[in-house]
Amino acid sequence: MKITHRLLGTLALCWTLALLPGAGRAQASTAAPEASMNERVLMVPVDAQRNIRLQVTVLQPDGPGPFPLAVVNHGASGKQPPARMERHRHTFAAYYFLSRGYAVALPMLRGYAGSEGRLHPAGCNYESVALGNAADIQAVIDFMARDPTVDARRTVMAGQSFGGWNTLAFGSLGDPRVKALVSFAGGMNASSCPNSPAVLPRGAGRFGATTRVPSIWFYGENDSFFGPPLAQVMHERYTAAGGRAELVAFGPFMKDAHELLAFPQGLPIWAPRLDAFLHQLGLPGRIVHPEYLPQDFPPPSGYAAIDDVDAVPYLDDRGREHYRRFLARSAPRVYVLSRSGFAGAYYGGFDPVGRGLKECRLRARDCFVYAVDDHVAWSRPTPAPPASGFAAHDDVAAIPFINQAGRQGYLKYLSMRRPKAFAIAPDGAWSAAALGPDPLAMALEACGKAHQGCRLYAVDHSVVWAGQPEGEP
């Protein structure tokens, strides 16, 4: 019987990989969606007696409206003077509401960014400060209600940190236009008050006693300001006093759950819960403008550890060095590859996954996300059997069935770049494939065209052959 030996992957089926011109660069993604948000920046009068106006950013989807209104209140880090704070607009809370068909108003508090006036010193009277801010925010809703493209009778109010605290205070005003309150890590922490952990639950109880608007609260396990015990006590005080609040206690998020709204990775944590909450109240909670949302981060595949540089497919030595630089950067981060030579690293911003794939597709084909943050997302089209321990992967003499020509072929296989696969058959046939779209399937297909019982012997740097199955010749 004549045995046909096939060595695939060195010539006919070997894809050559060299980083394309312009590839391999680190890219910082843009901070906002590419779709038009019809942005306006207004100066809204809130205190006629003192002639004070707040700077308000208004974002709207395309179309005539009228759109329901979402008011998104900002936080305050205390790391810089209020007047030097950037105008609040780059937040995934705003993009969420735009995608659900809302107009979004983002007011800056007195003295913050371009707003006039200043906040009064807080001391430990956190309720008074928040109620004063709530009165200003109500004046913003009054102003927006005069806009024919806005339906302020269907208003949702949301806020993060200090903005979440102000949102809870707003519920005490009993404004019938506001149908729902959303607090992301709501709270306040003034340097002038050393006893915030006691002050916040007391204030939450008082807000709950005077609020009938339903609310939903989001707090993460590793929140650096308001951890789970404090959030739980605040919620208990609020609901015991009569307030209606759903507490969503989620696990750790990145380095600090307080930054949930700053990263696209946070959306899967809170967006589905908020959708359900709004649906229960008869408010829009369905995506009608997907152009305002980033592409989803792919989940872990289990293919390899994030720091296993040798496991990254299609890379040469230069590409592996590029990947090492990617590993040195902190999350959020995305690594994009193609089989035809593109490698790109993307950090932060609105849509690093979408931006990376878009950039790759301008230069190459077959683009895919290999890694995001701290996990590998790519997986083989054909799953690989587990390493068997049958032999060391470079032990050429251990390979069954094949003759000297086959062992020479395996030596060439060892020098190929991954992904790669080596298949053998009981009659001595063998085949190898590397770097193509699916080397495992290619090696098995080539072997099986003229031979029976073809099975994988090695995949990448692992022997997966576990011996001849019982009952086979």
Protein backbone atom coordinates (compact mmCIF):
# COMPACT_ATOMS: atom_id res chain seq x y z
CA MET A 1 0.00 0.00 0.00
CA LYS A 2 1.32 3.42 -0.89
CA ILE A 3 1.26 5.87 1.96
CA THR A 4 0.89 9.57 1.17
CA HIS A 5 2.64 11.94 3.51
CA ARG A 6 1.39 15.52 3.65
CA LEU A 7 3.21 18.42 5.22
CA LEU A 8 0.82 21.35 5.29
CA GLY A 9 1.65 24.74 6.73
CA THR A 10 5.12 25.30 5.37
CA LEU A 11 4.21 26.31 1.84
CA ALA A 12 0.71 25.97 0.45
CA LEU A 13 -1.14 26.49 3.71
CA CYS A 14 1.24 28.68 5.65
CA TRP A 15 0.01 32.22 6.35
CA THR A 16 2.94 34.60 6.69
CA LEU A 17 2.60 37.00 9.59
CA ALA A 18 4.52 40.24 9.82
CA LEU A 19 3.17 43.29 11.58
CA LEU A 20 1.47 45.48 9.02
CA PRO A 21 2.47 49.13 8.58
CA GLY A 22 0.72 51.07 11.28
CA ALA A 23 -0.07 47.97 13.29
CA GLY A 24 1.23 47.29 16.76
CA ARG A 25 0.57 50.77 18.03
CA ALA A 26 -1.15 51.48 21.30
CA GLN A 27 -4.34 53.43 20.74
CA ALA A 28 -6.33 55.50 23.23
CA SER A 29 -9.99 55.23 22.34
CA THR A 30 -12.19 58.29 22.10
CA ALA A 31 -14.26 59.23 25.15
CA ALA A 32 -17.68 59.47 23.50
CA PRO A 33 -19.80 57.75 20.84
CA GLU A 34 -19.19 58.69 17.23
CA ALA A 35 -22.94 59.13 16.70
CA SER A 36 -24.26 62.67 17.01
CA MET A 37 -25.58 63.49 20.47
CA ASN A 38 -26.89 66.91 19.40
CA GLU A 39 -25.01 68.45 22.30
CA ARG A 40 -26.03 71.82 23.69
CA VAL A 41 -24.47 73.72 26.58
CA LEU A 42 -26.94 76.00 28.36
CA MET A 43 -26.77 78.48 31.21
CA VAL A 44 -29.92 77.84 33.22
CA PRO A 45 -31.14 80.36 35.84
CA VAL A 46 -31.82 78.66 39.18
CA ASP A 47 -31.75 81.51 41.70
CA ALA A 48 -33.31 84.77 40.49
CA GLN A 49 -32.62 86.53 43.79
CA ARG A 50 -28.88 85.97 43.51
CA ASN A 51 -28.83 85.87 39.69
CA ILE A 52 -27.14 82.45 39.64
CA ARG A 53 -27.10 80.17 36.60
CA LEU A 54 -25.99 76.57 36.29
CA GLN A 55 -24.09 75.19 33.33
CA VAL A 56 -26.15 72.34 31.88
CA THR A 57 -25.14 69.98 29.08
CA VAL A 58 -28.08 68.62 27.10
CA LEU A 59 -27.72 65.53 24.88
CA GLN A 60 -30.47 64.20 22.62
CA PRO A 61 -30.94 61.45 20.05
CA ASP A 62 -31.75 62.43 16.49
CA GLY A 63 -35.43 63.10 15.83
CA PRO A 64 -38.14 65.58 16.76
CA GLY A 65 -39.09 64.11 20.14
CA PRO A 66 -40.58 64.80 22.52
CA PHE A 67 -38.15 62.61 24.44
CA PRO A 68 -38.55 61.58 28.08
CA LEU A 69 -35.97 63.32 30.23
CA ALA A 70 -33.10 61.83 32.20
CA VAL A 71 -31.27 64.12 34.62
CA VAL A 72 -27.79 62.82 35.48
CA ASN A 73 -26.12 64.40 38.52
CA HIS A 74 -22.36 64.45 38.88
CA GLY A 75 -20.13 63.46 41.75
CA ALA A 76 -17.30 65.40 43.35
CA SER A 77 -13.92 63.87 44.12
CA GLY A 78 -12.55 66.74 46.18
CA LYS A 79 -9.21 66.36 44.40
CA GLN A 80 -9.47 69.69 42.58
CA PRO A 81 -11.23 73.03 43.06
CA PRO A 82 -14.85 72.82 41.85
CA ALA A 83 -14.35 75.53 39.23
CA ARG A 84 -11.63 73.46 37.58
CA MET A 85 -13.79 70.36 37.28
CA GLU A 86 -14.48 69.30 33.71
CA ARG A 87 -18.03 69.73 32.43
CA HIS A 88 -19.89 66.49 33.14
CA ARG A 89 -20.82 64.69 29.93
CA HIS A 90 -18.58 61.63 29.44
CA THR A 91 -20.46 59.07 31.50
CA PHE A 92 -21.99 55.75 30.57
CA ALA A 93 -25.13 56.78 32.44
CA ALA A 94 -25.74 59.43 29.76
CA TYR A 95 -24.99 56.98 26.94
CA TYR A 96 -27.35 54.44 28.50
CA PHE A 97 -30.26 56.89 28.56
CA LEU A 98 -29.54 58.12 25.03
CA SER A 99 -29.63 54.54 23.80
CA ARG A 100 -33.07 54.11 25.39
CA GLY A 101 -34.43 57.22 23.70
CA TYR A 102 -34.14 59.84 26.45
CA ALA A 103 -32.97 63.42 26.28
CA VAL A 104 -30.26 63.81 28.92
CA ALA A 105 -29.57 66.89 31.04
CA LEU A 106 -26.32 66.99 33.01
CA PRO A 107 -26.31 70.01 35.35
CA MET A 108 -23.17 71.24 37.10
CA LEU A 109 -23.70 72.24 40.73
CA ARG A 110 -23.06 75.78 41.90
CA GLY A 111 -19.42 76.69 41.50
CA TYR A 112 -18.55 73.57 39.50
CA ALA A 113 -17.10 73.89 35.99
CA GLY A 114 -18.97 76.79 34.32
CA SER A 115 -21.75 77.16 36.90
CA GLU A 116 -22.05 80.35 38.89
CA GLY A 117 -22.18 80.76 42.67
CA ARG A 118 -20.81 78.29 45.18
CA LEU A 119 -22.02 75.60 47.52
CA HIS A 120 -22.32 76.52 51.18
CA PRO A 121 -19.97 74.71 53.58
CA ALA A 122 -21.46 71.38 54.49
CA GLY A 123 -20.28 70.65 57.97
CA CYS A 124 -22.20 67.52 58.91
CA ASN A 125 -25.56 68.75 57.66
CA TYR A 126 -25.53 66.56 54.58
CA GLU A 127 -29.30 66.67 54.20
CA SER A 128 -29.43 70.45 53.99
CA VAL A 129 -26.70 70.57 51.36
CA ALA A 130 -28.41 67.93 49.23
CA LEU A 131 -31.84 69.56 49.52
CA GLY A 132 -30.37 72.87 48.39
CA ASN A 133 -28.86 71.15 45.37
CA ALA A 134 -32.17 69.40 44.71
CA ALA A 135 -33.95 72.75 44.53
CA ASP A 136 -31.48 73.90 41.87
CA ILE A 137 -31.94 70.67 39.93
CA GLN A 138 -35.70 71.16 40.06
CA ALA A 139 -35.21 74.57 38.44
CA VAL A 140 -33.29 72.81 35.66
CA ILE A 141 -36.27 70.49 35.08
CA ASP A 142 -38.57 73.54 34.99
CA PHE A 143 -36.35 75.00 32.28
CA MET A 144 -36.23 71.78 30.28
CA ALA A 145 -40.02 71.43 30.50
CA ARG A 146 -40.32 74.48 28.23
CA ASP A 147 -38.39 72.68 25.46
CA PRO A 148 -40.88 71.21 22.95
CA THR A 149 -38.49 68.32 22.20
CA VAL A 150 -38.54 67.19 25.85
CA ASP A 151 -41.32 65.51 27.82
CA ALA A 152 -40.40 66.46 31.38
CA ARG A 153 -43.55 64.76 32.67
CA ARG A 154 -41.60 61.50 32.29
CA THR A 155 -38.34 62.26 34.06
CA VAL A 156 -35.85 59.80 35.50
CA MET A 157 -33.23 61.21 37.85
CA ALA A 158 -29.87 59.50 38.31
CA GLY A 159 -26.63 60.39 40.00
CA GLN A 160 -23.28 59.00 41.02
CA SER A 161 -21.66 59.45 44.45
CA PHE A 162 -22.49 63.03 45.58
CA GLY A 163 -24.87 63.13 42.61
CA GLY A 164 -26.57 59.99 43.90
CA TRP A 165 -27.00 61.61 47.31
CA ASN A 166 -28.53 64.69 45.68
CA THR A 167 -30.81 62.38 43.69
CA LEU A 168 -32.14 60.78 46.89
CA ALA A 169 -32.69 64.24 48.36
CA PHE A 170 -34.66 65.26 45.27
CA GLY A 171 -37.19 62.53 46.03
CA SER A 172 -38.14 64.48 49.15
CA LEU A 173 -39.43 67.36 47.02
CA GLY A 174 -42.37 65.29 45.79
CA ASP A 175 -42.08 66.51 42.20
CA PRO A 176 -44.70 64.48 40.26
CA ARG A 177 -42.72 64.74 37.02
CA VAL A 178 -39.93 62.54 38.36
CA LYS A 179 -40.99 58.91 38.15
CA ALA A 180 -37.82 57.11 39.24
CA LEU A 181 -34.59 57.70 41.16
CA VAL A 182 -31.31 55.93 40.36
CA SER A 183 -28.39 56.13 42.77
CA PHE A 184 -24.95 54.84 41.81
CA ALA A 185 -22.84 54.63 44.97
CA GLY A 186 -24.78 57.57 46.39
CA GLY A 187 -23.29 59.34 49.38
CA MET A 188 -21.40 62.34 50.62
CA ASN A 189 -18.07 62.65 52.37
CA ALA A 190 -17.13 66.17 53.45
CA SER A 191 -13.72 66.79 54.98
CA SER A 192 -15.43 69.06 57.51
CA CYS A 193 -17.42 66.13 58.91
CA PRO A 194 -15.41 63.36 60.60
CA ASN A 195 -18.49 61.23 61.22
CA SER A 196 -19.88 60.55 57.72
CA PRO A 197 -20.64 56.84 58.39
CA ALA A 198 -23.18 57.92 61.03
CA VAL A 199 -24.51 60.98 59.23
CA LEU A 200 -25.37 59.23 55.96
CA PRO A 201 -27.75 56.58 57.42
CA ARG A 202 -29.55 59.26 59.42
CA GLY A 203 -30.00 61.39 56.31
CA ALA A 204 -31.10 58.38 54.27
CA GLY A 205 -33.81 57.68 56.85
CA ARG A 206 -35.10 61.23 56.65
CA PHE A 207 -35.15 61.17 52.86
CA GLY A 208 -36.99 57.84 52.90
CA ALA A 209 -39.65 59.23 55.24
CA THR A 210 -40.57 61.97 52.76
CA THR A 211 -40.10 60.17 49.42
CA ARG A 212 -42.66 58.14 47.53
CA VAL A 213 -40.78 57.86 44.24
CA PRO A 214 -39.35 54.34 43.69
CA SER A 215 -35.57 54.09 43.56
CA ILE A 216 -32.83 51.64 42.70
CA TRP A 217 -29.39 51.76 44.34
CA PHE A 218 -26.12 50.26 43.04
CA TYR A 219 -23.17 49.63 45.38
CA GLY A 220 -20.09 47.47 44.72
CA GLU A 221 -18.07 45.32 47.08
CA ASN A 222 -14.81 47.23 46.57
CA ASP A 223 -16.23 50.76 46.64
CA SER A 224 -13.49 52.95 48.13
CA PHE A 225 -15.98 55.47 49.59
CA PHE A 226 -19.17 53.68 50.54
CA GLY A 227 -18.65 49.98 51.19
CA PRO A 228 -21.30 47.26 51.55
CA PRO A 229 -21.91 47.64 55.32
CA LEU A 230 -22.61 51.37 55.02
CA ALA A 231 -24.76 50.90 51.92
CA GLN A 232 -26.79 48.21 53.70
CA VAL A 233 -27.43 50.41 56.74
CA MET A 234 -28.43 53.37 54.55
CA HIS A 235 -30.85 51.17 52.63
CA GLU A 236 -32.34 49.74 55.82
CA ARG A 237 -32.90 53.21 57.27
CA TYR A 238 -34.40 54.49 54.02
CA THR A 239 -36.86 51.63 53.57
CA ALA A 240 -37.75 51.39 57.27
CA ALA A 241 -38.84 55.03 57.09
CA GLY A 242 -41.15 54.27 54.17
CA GLY A 243 -38.92 54.80 51.13
CA ARG A 244 -39.15 52.39 48.20
CA ALA A 245 -35.67 51.25 47.19
CA GLU A 246 -34.17 48.20 45.50
CA LEU A 247 -30.56 47.62 46.57
CA VAL A 248 -28.30 46.02 43.96
CA ALA A 249 -25.16 44.89 45.78
CA PHE A 250 -22.69 43.67 43.18
CA GLY A 251 -19.24 42.21 43.64
CA PRO A 252 -15.83 43.75 43.00
CA PHE A 253 -15.51 45.92 39.92
CA MET A 254 -12.05 46.63 38.52
CA LYS A 255 -9.91 48.50 41.07
CA ASP A 256 -12.76 50.52 42.57
CA ALA A 257 -16.50 49.93 42.21
CA HIS A 258 -17.02 53.65 42.82
CA GLU A 259 -15.96 54.10 39.17
CA LEU A 260 -18.71 51.85 37.79
CA LEU A 261 -20.00 54.50 35.37
CA ALA A 262 -16.57 55.33 33.99
CA PHE A 263 -15.97 52.10 32.08
CA PRO A 264 -17.89 50.13 29.44
CA GLN A 265 -17.24 46.93 31.40
CA GLY A 266 -19.72 48.19 33.99
CA LEU A 267 -22.72 48.17 31.67
CA PRO A 268 -23.50 44.43 31.96
CA ILE A 269 -23.60 44.83 35.74
CA TRP A 270 -26.16 47.60 35.98
CA ALA A 271 -27.90 48.16 32.63
CA PRO A 272 -30.08 44.98 32.68
CA ARG A 273 -31.18 45.69 36.26
CA LEU A 274 -32.02 49.28 35.42
CA ASP A 275 -33.90 48.18 32.28
CA ALA A 276 -36.08 45.87 34.37
CA PHE A 277 -36.67 48.57 36.99
CA LEU A 278 -37.78 51.11 34.38
CA HIS A 279 -40.02 48.57 32.62
CA GLN A 280 -41.83 47.93 35.90
CA LEU A 281 -42.64 51.64 36.07
CA GLY A 282 -43.80 51.89 32.46
CA LEU A 283 -40.73 53.90 31.45
CA PRO A 284 -38.50 53.32 28.41
CA GLY A 285 -35.91 50.65 29.15
CA ARG A 286 -35.23 49.10 25.76
CA ILE A 287 -32.39 49.86 23.36
CA VAL A 288 -33.68 51.92 20.44
CA HIS A 289 -30.41 53.71 19.57
CA PRO A 290 -27.58 51.13 19.73
CA GLU A 291 -25.19 53.66 18.19
CA TYR A 292 -24.76 55.21 21.65
CA LEU A 293 -23.46 52.00 23.20
CA PRO A 294 -20.02 50.37 23.03
CA GLN A 295 -19.43 46.89 21.72
CA ASP A 296 -19.65 44.24 24.43
CA PHE A 297 -16.46 43.00 26.06
CA PRO A 298 -16.13 39.29 25.20
CA PRO A 299 -16.08 36.90 28.17
CA PRO A 300 -13.13 34.72 29.21
CA SER A 301 -12.57 31.76 26.92
CA GLY A 302 -10.22 29.70 29.08
CA TYR A 303 -7.80 29.32 26.18
CA ALA A 304 -4.75 30.56 28.11
CA ALA A 305 -3.64 32.75 30.97
CA ILE A 306 -3.49 36.45 30.09
CA ASP A 307 0.27 36.55 30.77
CA ASP A 308 1.12 33.45 28.71
CA VAL A 309 2.94 35.30 25.95
CA ASP A 310 3.86 32.14 24.06
CA ALA A 311 0.19 31.15 23.79
CA VAL A 312 -0.78 34.20 21.72
CA PRO A 313 -1.46 32.97 18.17
CA TYR A 314 -0.02 34.34 14.92
CA LEU A 315 2.73 36.44 16.55
CA ASP A 316 6.42 36.46 15.74
CA ASP A 317 9.11 37.66 18.15
CA ARG A 318 8.35 41.30 17.41
CA GLY A 319 4.66 40.70 18.01
CA ARG A 320 5.32 38.95 21.32
CA GLU A 321 7.34 41.93 22.51
CA HIS A 322 4.40 44.16 21.58
CA TYR A 323 2.10 41.93 23.63
CA ARG A 324 4.43 42.17 26.63
CA ARG A 325 4.09 45.95 26.50
CA PHE A 326 0.33 45.51 26.45
CA LEU A 327 0.54 43.39 29.60
CA ALA A 328 2.46 46.16 31.36
CA ARG A 329 -0.50 48.53 31.00
CA SER A 330 -3.40 48.56 33.43
CA ALA A 331 -7.04 47.86 32.58
CA PRO A 332 -9.16 48.79 30.74
CA ARG A 333 -7.22 47.32 27.83
CA VAL A 334 -8.00 45.38 24.65
CA TYR A 335 -5.67 43.43 22.37
CA VAL A 336 -6.79 42.88 18.77
CA LEU A 337 -5.21 40.53 16.22
CA SER A 338 -5.71 39.31 12.69
CA ARG A 339 -4.28 36.27 10.94
CA SER A 340 -2.96 38.52 8.18
CA GLY A 341 -0.62 40.59 10.29
CA PHE A 342 -2.35 43.20 12.46
CA ALA A 343 -1.73 43.56 16.19
CA GLY A 344 -3.13 46.50 18.13
CA ALA A 345 -3.52 47.50 21.78
CA TYR A 346 -6.29 49.83 22.91
CA TYR A 347 -6.73 51.47 26.27
CA GLY A 348 -9.74 53.10 27.91
CA GLY A 349 -12.31 55.33 26.32
CA PHE A 350 -15.86 54.78 25.17
CA ASP A 351 -15.48 51.68 22.98
CA PRO A 352 -12.00 50.13 22.95
CA VAL A 353 -13.29 46.83 21.54
CA GLY A 354 -15.18 48.45 18.68
CA ARG A 355 -12.39 50.89 17.95
CA GLY A 356 -9.78 48.13 17.86
CA LEU A 357 -11.80 45.95 15.50
CA LYS A 358 -12.59 48.93 13.26
CA GLU A 359 -8.94 49.93 13.02
CA CYS A 360 -7.90 46.34 12.34
CA ARG A 361 -10.47 45.93 9.56
CA LEU A 362 -9.10 48.97 7.77
CA ARG A 363 -5.76 47.16 7.41
CA ALA A 364 -6.46 43.45 7.56
CA ARG A 365 -9.00 40.66 7.39
CA ASP A 366 -10.16 38.10 9.91
CA CYS A 367 -9.84 40.46 12.89
CA PHE A 368 -10.62 39.25 16.39
CA VAL A 369 -10.23 40.28 20.03
CA TYR A 370 -7.58 38.17 21.73
CA ALA A 371 -7.56 39.66 25.24
CA VAL A 372 -9.45 42.18 27.33
CA ASP A 373 -8.42 43.49 30.73
CA ASP A 374 -7.18 40.45 32.68
CA HIS A 375 -8.48 37.58 30.59
CA VAL A 376 -8.07 35.94 27.20
CA ALA A 377 -11.22 36.09 25.07
CA TRP A 378 -10.10 34.21 21.95
CA SER A 379 -10.74 30.51 21.51
CA ARG A 380 -9.87 28.05 18.77
CA PRO A 381 -12.54 27.38 16.13
CA THR A 382 -11.92 23.67 16.75
CA PRO A 383 -11.38 22.85 20.44
CA ALA A 384 -8.08 21.19 21.25
CA PRO A 385 -7.93 17.97 23.28
CA PRO A 386 -6.20 18.39 26.64
CA ALA A 387 -2.50 17.72 26.97
CA SER A 388 -2.10 13.99 27.53
CA GLY A 389 1.38 13.68 29.00
CA PHE A 390 2.06 10.87 26.51
CA ALA A 391 5.48 12.34 25.69
CA ALA A 392 7.42 15.58 25.64
CA HIS A 393 6.33 17.62 22.64
CA ASP A 394 9.86 17.62 21.20
CA ASP A 395 10.36 13.86 21.64
CA VAL A 396 10.24 12.92 17.96
CA ALA A 397 11.01 9.26 18.60
CA ALA A 398 7.86 8.83 20.71
CA ILE A 399 5.45 9.49 17.85
CA PRO A 400 3.68 6.27 16.81
CA PHE A 401 3.02 5.00 13.29
CA ILE A 402 5.14 7.44 11.27
CA ASN A 403 8.43 6.63 9.49
CA GLN A 404 11.61 8.67 9.18
CA ALA A 405 10.07 11.05 6.66
CA GLY A 406 7.25 11.70 9.09
CA ARG A 407 9.72 12.42 11.87
CA GLN A 408 11.44 14.95 9.63
CA GLY A 409 8.03 16.49 9.03
CA TYR A 410 7.45 16.71 12.77
CA LEU A 411 10.79 18.47 13.23
CA LYS A 412 9.59 21.08 10.75
CA TYR A 413 6.29 21.27 12.64
CA LEU A 414 8.19 22.10 15.83
CA SER A 415 9.63 25.22 14.18
CA MET A 416 6.26 26.51 12.97
CA ARG A 417 4.50 29.35 14.72
CA ARG A 418 1.27 28.71 16.59
CA PRO A 419 -1.56 28.00 16.19
CA LYS A 420 -0.55 24.68 14.69
CA ALA A 421 -1.52 21.02 14.72
CA PHE A 422 0.02 17.67 13.77
CA ALA A 423 -2.21 14.70 12.89
CA ILE A 424 -1.31 11.03 12.42
CA ALA A 425 -3.05 7.91 11.12
CA PRO A 426 -2.47 4.21 11.93
CA ASP A 427 -1.23 3.54 8.38
CA GLY A 428 1.65 6.00 8.89
CA ALA A 429 0.11 9.06 7.20
CA TRP A 430 0.58 12.42 8.81
CA SER A 431 -0.20 16.07 8.19
CA ALA A 432 0.66 19.42 9.74
CA ALA A 433 -0.99 22.82 9.50
CA ALA A 434 -0.13 26.19 10.98
CA LEU A 435 -1.31 29.81 11.10
CA GLY A 436 -4.46 29.34 9.04
CA PRO A 437 -8.02 30.01 10.17
CA ASP A 438 -8.33 26.58 11.83
CA PRO A 439 -5.11 24.50 11.82
CA LEU A 440 -6.66 21.65 13.84
CA ALA A 441 -9.47 21.11 11.35
CA MET A 442 -7.10 21.58 8.41
CA ALA A 443 -4.63 18.96 9.67
CA LEU A 444 -7.39 16.42 10.31
CA GLU A 445 -9.07 17.12 6.98
CA ALA A 446 -5.85 16.77 4.99
CA CYS A 447 -4.97 13.52 6.75
CA GLY A 448 -8.48 12.13 6.42
CA LYS A 449 -8.81 12.67 2.67
CA ALA A 450 -7.07 9.38 1.92
CA HIS A 451 -6.55 7.73 5.29
CA GLN A 452 -8.66 6.27 8.08
CA GLY A 453 -8.42 6.89 11.82
CA CYS A 454 -6.65 10.26 11.67
CA ARG A 455 -6.23 11.86 15.09
CA LEU A 456 -4.35 14.80 16.50
CA TYR A 457 -0.96 14.02 17.97
CA ALA A 458 0.14 17.56 18.92
CA VAL A 459 -1.41 21.00 19.16
CA ASP A 460 0.91 23.97 19.52
CA HIS A 461 3.50 22.92 22.12
CA SER A 462 1.49 20.11 23.72
CA VAL A 463 1.14 16.44 22.91
CA VAL A 464 -2.57 15.57 22.98
CA TRP A 465 -2.24 11.96 21.79
CA ALA A 466 -3.33 9.64 24.58
CA GLY A 467 -2.67 6.32 22.87
CA GLN A 468 -4.66 4.18 20.49
CA PRO A 469 -8.31 3.82 21.60
CA GLU A 470 -9.20 0.32 22.73
CA GLY A 471 -10.55 -1.81 19.91
CA GLU A 472 -8.81 0.09 17.12
CA PRO A 473 -6.02 -1.65 15.13
